Amino acid sequence: MTLADVGDALERPLTFVSKCELGERRIDPIDLKRFAELCDKPLEYFYPQQPRRGGKRKFDGRQSGSI
């Protein structure tokens, strides 16, 4: 699919699609939903992966066995 094809499908100018693709323009939730539908992907596909929380505890200055 070309940028022009995406622009036509979203009823947006080619420059809008290009700037979104390059990260030069923020995408509002409605446009993101439309991009996802057009690409047949879930919204989560477009979110960066977040590191998992948990695992190691923060060091609080106390050592094991200290009073």
PDB file of N, CA and C in Angstrom:
ATOM      1  N   MET A   1       0.845  -1.172   0.000  1.00  0.00           N
ATOM      2  CA  MET A   1       0.000   0.000   0.000  1.00  0.00           C
ATOM      3  C   MET A   1       0.897   1.244   0.000  1.00  0.00           C
ATOM      4  N   THR A   2       0.624   2.173  -0.872  1.00  0.00           N
ATOM      5  CA  THR A   2       1.418   3.403  -0.950  1.00  0.00           C
ATOM      6  C   THR A   2       0.888   4.426   0.043  1.00  0.00           C
ATOM      7  N   LEU A   3       1.671   5.482   0.251  1.00  0.00           N
ATOM      8  CA  LEU A   3       1.210   6.567   1.122  1.00  0.00           C
ATOM      9  C   LEU A   3      -0.071   7.181   0.571  1.00  0.00           C
ATOM     10  N   ALA A   4      -0.147   7.292  -0.748  1.00  0.00           N
ATOM     11  CA  ALA A   4      -1.350   7.848  -1.375  1.00  0.00           C
ATOM     12  C   ALA A   4      -2.551   6.940  -1.119  1.00  0.00           C
ATOM     13  N   ASP A   5      -2.350   5.622  -1.190  1.00  0.00           N
ATOM     14  CA  ASP A   5      -3.436   4.674  -0.918  1.00  0.00           C
ATOM     15  C   ASP A   5      -3.938   4.832   0.516  1.00  0.00           C
ATOM     16  N   VAL A   6      -2.996   4.935   1.450  1.00  0.00           N
ATOM     17  CA  VAL A   6      -3.370   5.098   2.860  1.00  0.00           C
ATOM     18  C   VAL A   6      -4.089   6.429   3.054  1.00  0.00           C
ATOM     19  N   GLY A   7      -3.569   7.483   2.464  1.00  0.00           N
ATOM     20  CA  GLY A   7      -4.211   8.796   2.563  1.00  0.00           C
ATOM     21  C   GLY A   7      -5.626   8.773   2.022  1.00  0.00           C
ATOM     22  N   ASP A   8      -5.819   8.121   0.886  1.00  0.00           N
ATOM     23  CA  ASP A   8      -7.157   8.017   0.300  1.00  0.00           C
ATOM     24  C   ASP A   8      -8.098   7.238   1.217  1.00  0.00           C
ATOM     25  N   ALA A   9      -7.603   6.125   1.768  1.00  0.00           N
ATOM     26  CA  ALA A   9      -8.438   5.293   2.641  1.00  0.00           C
ATOM     27  C   ALA A   9      -8.811   6.024   3.929  1.00  0.00           C
ATOM     28  N   LEU A  10      -7.891   6.853   4.437  1.00  0.00           N
ATOM     29  CA  LEU A  10      -8.144   7.584   5.678  1.00  0.00           C
ATOM     30  C   LEU A  10      -8.758   8.955   5.438  1.00  0.00           C
ATOM     31  N   GLU A  11      -8.899   9.308   4.170  1.00  0.00           N
ATOM     32  CA  GLU A  11      -9.404  10.625   3.780  1.00  0.00           C
ATOM     33  C   GLU A  11      -8.535  11.732   4.373  1.00  0.00           C
ATOM     34  N   ARG A  12      -7.224  11.522   4.244  1.00  0.00           N
ATOM     35  CA  ARG A  12      -6.224  12.479   4.723  1.00  0.00           C
ATOM     36  C   ARG A  12      -5.230  12.733   3.599  1.00  0.00           C
ATOM     37  N   PRO A  13      -4.580  13.902   3.606  1.00  0.00           N
ATOM     38  CA  PRO A  13      -3.573  14.170   2.571  1.00  0.00           C
ATOM     39  C   PRO A  13      -2.342  13.279   2.727  1.00  0.00           C
ATOM     40  N   LEU A  14      -1.654  13.059   1.646  1.00  0.00           N
ATOM     41  CA  LEU A  14      -0.449  12.253   1.642  1.00  0.00           C
ATOM     42  C   LEU A  14       0.576  12.800   2.630  1.00  0.00           C
ATOM     43  N   THR A  15       0.665  14.112   2.773  1.00  0.00           N
ATOM     44  CA  THR A  15       1.628  14.706   3.707  1.00  0.00           C
ATOM     45  C   THR A  15       1.318  14.304   5.152  1.00  0.00           C
ATOM     46  N   PHE A  16       0.052  14.175   5.492  1.00  0.00           N
ATOM     47  CA  PHE A  16      -0.343  13.725   6.839  1.00  0.00           C
ATOM     48  C   PHE A  16       0.204  12.323   7.090  1.00  0.00           C
ATOM     49  N   VAL A  17      -0.012  11.420   6.159  1.00  0.00           N
ATOM     50  CA  VAL A  17       0.435  10.034   6.295  1.00  0.00           C
ATOM     51  C   VAL A  17       1.957   9.981   6.367  1.00  0.00           C
ATOM     52  N   SER A  18       2.624  10.732   5.531  1.00  0.00           N
ATOM     53  CA  SER A  18       4.079  10.747   5.509  1.00  0.00           C
ATOM     54  C   SER A  18       4.652  11.220   6.839  1.00  0.00           C
ATOM     55  N   LYS A  19       4.112  12.307   7.375  1.00  0.00           N
ATOM     56  CA  LYS A  19       4.612  12.836   8.646  1.00  0.00           C
ATOM     57  C   LYS A  19       4.337  11.872   9.800  1.00  0.00           C
ATOM     58  N   CYS A  20       3.217  11.168   9.765  1.00  0.00           N
ATOM     59  CA  CYS A  20       2.932  10.157  10.786  1.00  0.00           C
ATOM     60  C   CYS A  20       3.958   9.033  10.700  1.00  0.00           C
ATOM     61  N   GLU A  21       4.234   8.586   9.486  1.00  0.00           N
ATOM     62  CA  GLU A  21       5.177   7.495   9.278  1.00  0.00           C
ATOM     63  C   GLU A  21       6.578   7.867   9.754  1.00  0.00           C
ATOM     64  N   LEU A  22       6.966   9.114   9.549  1.00  0.00           N
ATOM     65  CA  LEU A  22       8.300   9.581   9.935  1.00  0.00           C
ATOM     66  C   LEU A  22       8.387   9.973  11.408  1.00  0.00           C
ATOM     67  N   GLY A  23       7.264   9.978  12.102  1.00  0.00           N
ATOM     68  CA  GLY A  23       7.256  10.376  13.510  1.00  0.00           C
ATOM     69  C   GLY A  23       7.309  11.877  13.707  1.00  0.00           C
ATOM     70  N   GLU A  24       6.999  12.630  12.667  1.00  0.00           N
ATOM     71  CA  GLU A  24       7.028  14.089  12.740  1.00  0.00           C
ATOM     72  C   GLU A  24       5.684  14.667  13.167  1.00  0.00           C
ATOM     73  N   ARG A  25       4.690  13.822  13.273  1.00  0.00           N
ATOM     74  CA  ARG A  25       3.358  14.284  13.643  1.00  0.00           C
ATOM     75  C   ARG A  25       2.769  13.311  14.655  1.00  0.00           C
ATOM     76  N   ARG A  26       2.128  13.868  15.671  1.00  0.00           N
ATOM     77  CA  ARG A  26       1.426  13.032  16.636  1.00  0.00           C
ATOM     78  C   ARG A  26       0.140  12.520  16.008  1.00  0.00           C
ATOM     79  N   ILE A  27      -0.250  11.336  16.434  1.00  0.00           N
ATOM     80  CA  ILE A  27      -1.472  10.738  15.905  1.00  0.00           C
ATOM     81  C   ILE A  27      -2.511  10.709  17.013  1.00  0.00           C
ATOM     82  N   ASP A  28      -3.673  11.267  16.739  1.00  0.00           N
ATOM     83  CA  ASP A  28      -4.719  11.238  17.762  1.00  0.00           C
ATOM     84  C   ASP A  28      -5.357   9.847  17.800  1.00  0.00           C
ATOM     85  N   PRO A  29      -6.054   9.531  18.882  1.00  0.00           N
ATOM     86  CA  PRO A  29      -6.607   8.178  19.040  1.00  0.00           C
ATOM     87  C   PRO A  29      -7.527   7.730  17.904  1.00  0.00           C
ATOM     88  N   ILE A  30      -8.291   8.636  17.363  1.00  0.00           N
ATOM     89  CA  ILE A  30      -9.212   8.273  16.274  1.00  0.00           C
ATOM     90  C   ILE A  30      -8.431   7.874  15.033  1.00  0.00           C
ATOM     91  N   ASP A  31      -7.403   8.654  14.691  1.00  0.00           N
ATOM     92  CA  ASP A  31      -6.583   8.318  13.524  1.00  0.00           C
ATOM     93  C   ASP A  31      -5.812   7.022  13.759  1.00  0.00           C
ATOM     94  N   LEU A  32      -5.334   6.808  14.987  1.00  0.00           N
ATOM     95  CA  LEU A  32      -4.622   5.572  15.286  1.00  0.00           C
ATOM     96  C   LEU A  32      -5.539   4.365  15.098  1.00  0.00           C
ATOM     97  N   LYS A  33      -6.769   4.497  15.551  1.00  0.00           N
ATOM     98  CA  LYS A  33      -7.737   3.408  15.371  1.00  0.00           C
ATOM     99  C   LYS A  33      -7.968   3.134  13.887  1.00  0.00           C
ATOM    100  N   ARG A  34      -8.053   4.183  13.089  1.00  0.00           N
ATOM    101  CA  ARG A  34      -8.269   4.017  11.661  1.00  0.00           C
ATOM    102  C   ARG A  34      -7.052   3.376  10.977  1.00  0.00           C
ATOM    103  N   PHE A  35      -5.835   3.782  11.405  1.00  0.00           N
ATOM    104  CA  PHE A  35      -4.623   3.139  10.881  1.00  0.00           C
ATOM    105  C   PHE A  35      -4.641   1.651  11.210  1.00  0.00           C
ATOM    106  N   ALA A  36      -4.978   1.326  12.456  1.00  0.00           N
ATOM    107  CA  ALA A  36      -4.994  -0.077  12.886  1.00  0.00           C
ATOM    108  C   ALA A  36      -5.992  -0.887  12.066  1.00  0.00           C
ATOM    109  N   GLU A  37      -7.178  -0.346  11.870  1.00  0.00           N
ATOM    110  CA  GLU A  37      -8.197  -1.047  11.079  1.00  0.00           C
ATOM    111  C   GLU A  37      -7.724  -1.239   9.641  1.00  0.00           C
ATOM    112  N   LEU A  38      -7.114  -0.216   9.081  1.00  0.00           N
ATOM    113  CA  LEU A  38      -6.629  -0.294   7.704  1.00  0.00           C
ATOM    114  C   LEU A  38      -5.534  -1.359   7.559  1.00  0.00           C
ATOM    115  N   CYS A  39      -4.689  -1.471   8.581  1.00  0.00           N
ATOM    116  CA  CYS A  39      -3.596  -2.458   8.551  1.00  0.00           C
ATOM    117  C   CYS A  39      -4.030  -3.814   9.087  1.00  0.00           C
ATOM    118  N   ASP A  40      -5.281  -3.919   9.525  1.00  0.00           N
ATOM    119  CA  ASP A  40      -5.817  -5.156  10.097  1.00  0.00           C
ATOM    120  C   ASP A  40      -4.968  -5.626  11.280  1.00  0.00           C
ATOM    121  N   LYS A  41      -4.639  -4.677  12.160  1.00  0.00           N
ATOM    122  CA  LYS A  41      -3.827  -4.939  13.351  1.00  0.00           C
ATOM    123  C   LYS A  41      -4.566  -4.430  14.586  1.00  0.00           C
ATOM    124  N   PRO A  42      -4.304  -5.041  15.758  1.00  0.00           N
ATOM    125  CA  PRO A  42      -4.882  -4.503  16.990  1.00  0.00           C
ATOM    126  C   PRO A  42      -4.160  -3.198  17.363  1.00  0.00           C
ATOM    127  N   LEU A  43      -4.799  -2.344  18.131  1.00  0.00           N
ATOM    128  CA  LEU A  43      -4.177  -1.079  18.537  1.00  0.00           C
ATOM    129  C   LEU A  43      -2.833  -1.306  19.228  1.00  0.00           C
ATOM    130  N   GLU A  44      -2.736  -2.363  20.022  1.00  0.00           N
ATOM    131  CA  GLU A  44      -1.511  -2.643  20.767  1.00  0.00           C
ATOM    132  C   GLU A  44      -0.300  -2.832  19.855  1.00  0.00           C
ATOM    133  N   TYR A  45      -0.539  -3.201  18.625  1.00  0.00           N
ATOM    134  CA  TYR A  45       0.542  -3.383  17.661  1.00  0.00           C
ATOM    135  C   TYR A  45       1.363  -2.099  17.485  1.00  0.00           C
ATOM    136  N   PHE A  46       0.720  -0.956  17.646  1.00  0.00           N
ATOM    137  CA  PHE A  46       1.360   0.333  17.401  1.00  0.00           C
ATOM    138  C   PHE A  46       1.987   0.942  18.645  1.00  0.00           C
ATOM    139  N   TYR A  47       1.862   0.284  19.801  1.00  0.00           N
ATOM    140  CA  TYR A  47       2.456   0.788  21.033  1.00  0.00           C
ATOM    141  C   TYR A  47       3.850   0.193  21.204  1.00  0.00           C
ATOM    142  N   PRO A  48       4.817   1.014  21.674  1.00  0.00           N
ATOM    143  CA  PRO A  48       6.145   0.446  21.933  1.00  0.00           C
ATOM    144  C   PRO A  48       6.068  -0.539  23.100  1.00  0.00           C
ATOM    145  N   GLN A  49       6.909  -1.541  23.075  1.00  0.00           N
ATOM    146  CA  GLN A  49       6.934  -2.513  24.153  1.00  0.00           C
ATOM    147  C   GLN A  49       7.456  -1.852  25.419  1.00  0.00           C
ATOM    148  N   GLN A  50       6.783  -2.105  26.535  1.00  0.00           N
ATOM    149  CA  GLN A  50       7.185  -1.575  27.826  1.00  0.00           C
ATOM    150  C   GLN A  50       7.959  -2.655  28.575  1.00  0.00           C
ATOM    151  N   PRO A  51       9.024  -2.269  29.271  1.00  0.00           N
ATOM    152  CA  PRO A  51       9.731  -3.272  30.056  1.00  0.00           C
ATOM    153  C   PRO A  51       8.832  -3.795  31.173  1.00  0.00           C
ATOM    154  N   ARG A  52       8.988  -5.059  31.495  1.00  0.00           N
ATOM    155  CA  ARG A  52       8.183  -5.659  32.556  1.00  0.00           C
ATOM    156  C   ARG A  52       8.634  -5.128  33.897  1.00  0.00           C
ATOM    157  N   ARG A  53       7.676  -4.848  34.750  1.00  0.00           N
ATOM    158  CA  ARG A  53       7.981  -4.407  36.109  1.00  0.00           C
ATOM    159  C   ARG A  53       8.140  -5.620  37.001  1.00  0.00           C
ATOM    160  N   GLY A  54       8.842  -5.428  38.077  1.00  0.00           N
ATOM    161  CA  GLY A  54       9.026  -6.531  39.006  1.00  0.00           C
ATOM    162  C   GLY A  54      10.426  -7.081  38.899  1.00  0.00           C
ATOM    163  N   GLY A  55      10.575  -8.288  39.353  1.00  0.00           N
ATOM    164  CA  GLY A  55      11.896  -8.894  39.309  1.00  0.00           C
ATOM    165  C   GLY A  55      12.735  -8.393  40.466  1.00  0.00           C
ATOM    166  N   LYS A  56      13.766  -7.640  40.183  1.00  0.00           N
ATOM    167  CA  LYS A  56      14.671  -7.166  41.228  1.00  0.00           C
ATOM    168  C   LYS A  56      14.032  -6.052  42.050  1.00  0.00           C
ATOM    169  N   ARG A  57      14.296  -6.116  43.356  1.00  0.00           N
ATOM    170  CA  ARG A  57      13.823  -5.066  44.256  1.00  0.00           C
ATOM    171  C   ARG A  57      14.832  -3.932  44.279  1.00  0.00           C
ATOM    172  N   LYS A  58      14.361  -2.735  44.565  1.00  0.00           N
ATOM    173  CA  LYS A  58      15.266  -1.602  44.705  1.00  0.00           C
ATOM    174  C   LYS A  58      16.077  -1.759  45.983  1.00  0.00           C
ATOM    175  N   PHE A  59      17.308  -1.319  45.948  1.00  0.00           N
ATOM    176  CA  PHE A  59      18.160  -1.350  47.124  1.00  0.00           C
ATOM    177  C   PHE A  59      17.726  -0.228  48.050  1.00  0.00           C
ATOM    178  N   ASP A  60      17.450  -0.573  49.330  1.00  0.00           N
ATOM    179  CA  ASP A  60      16.965   0.450  50.253  1.00  0.00           C
ATOM    180  C   ASP A  60      18.007   0.819  51.310  1.00  0.00           C
ATOM    181  N   GLY A  61      19.257   0.364  51.123  1.00  0.00           N
ATOM    182  CA  GLY A  61      20.307   0.733  52.044  1.00  0.00           C
ATOM    183  C   GLY A  61      20.503  -0.238  53.175  1.00  0.00           C
ATOM    184  N   ARG A  62      19.580  -1.138  53.386  1.00  0.00           N
ATOM    185  CA  ARG A  62      19.713  -2.122  54.461  1.00  0.00           C
ATOM    186  C   ARG A  62      20.274  -3.407  53.881  1.00  0.00           C
ATOM    187  N   GLN A  63      21.113  -4.044  54.649  1.00  0.00           N
ATOM    188  CA  GLN A  63      21.623  -5.348  54.230  1.00  0.00           C
ATOM    189  C   GLN A  63      20.876  -6.441  54.954  1.00  0.00           C
ATOM    190  N   SER A  64      20.790  -7.562  54.343  1.00  0.00           N
ATOM    191  CA  SER A  64      20.134  -8.705  54.930  1.00  0.00           C
ATOM    192  C   SER A  64      20.763  -9.069  56.270  1.00  0.00           C
ATOM    193  N   GLY A  65      19.940  -9.254  57.289  1.00  0.00           N
ATOM    194  CA  GLY A  65      20.435  -9.633  58.598  1.00  0.00           C
ATOM    195  C   GLY A  65      20.791  -8.461  59.496  1.00  0.00           C
ATOM    196  N   SER A  66      20.729  -7.248  58.999  1.00  0.00           N
ATOM    197  CA  SER A  66      21.043  -6.103  59.836  1.00  0.00           C
ATOM    198  C   SER A  66      19.832  -5.698  60.670  1.00  0.00           C
ATOM    199  N   ILE A  67      20.092  -5.018  61.776  1.00  0.00           N
ATOM    200  CA  ILE A  67      18.998  -4.616  62.685  1.00  0.00           C
ATOM    201  C   ILE A  67      18.553  -3.217  62.370  1.00  0.00           C
TER     202      ILE A  67
END
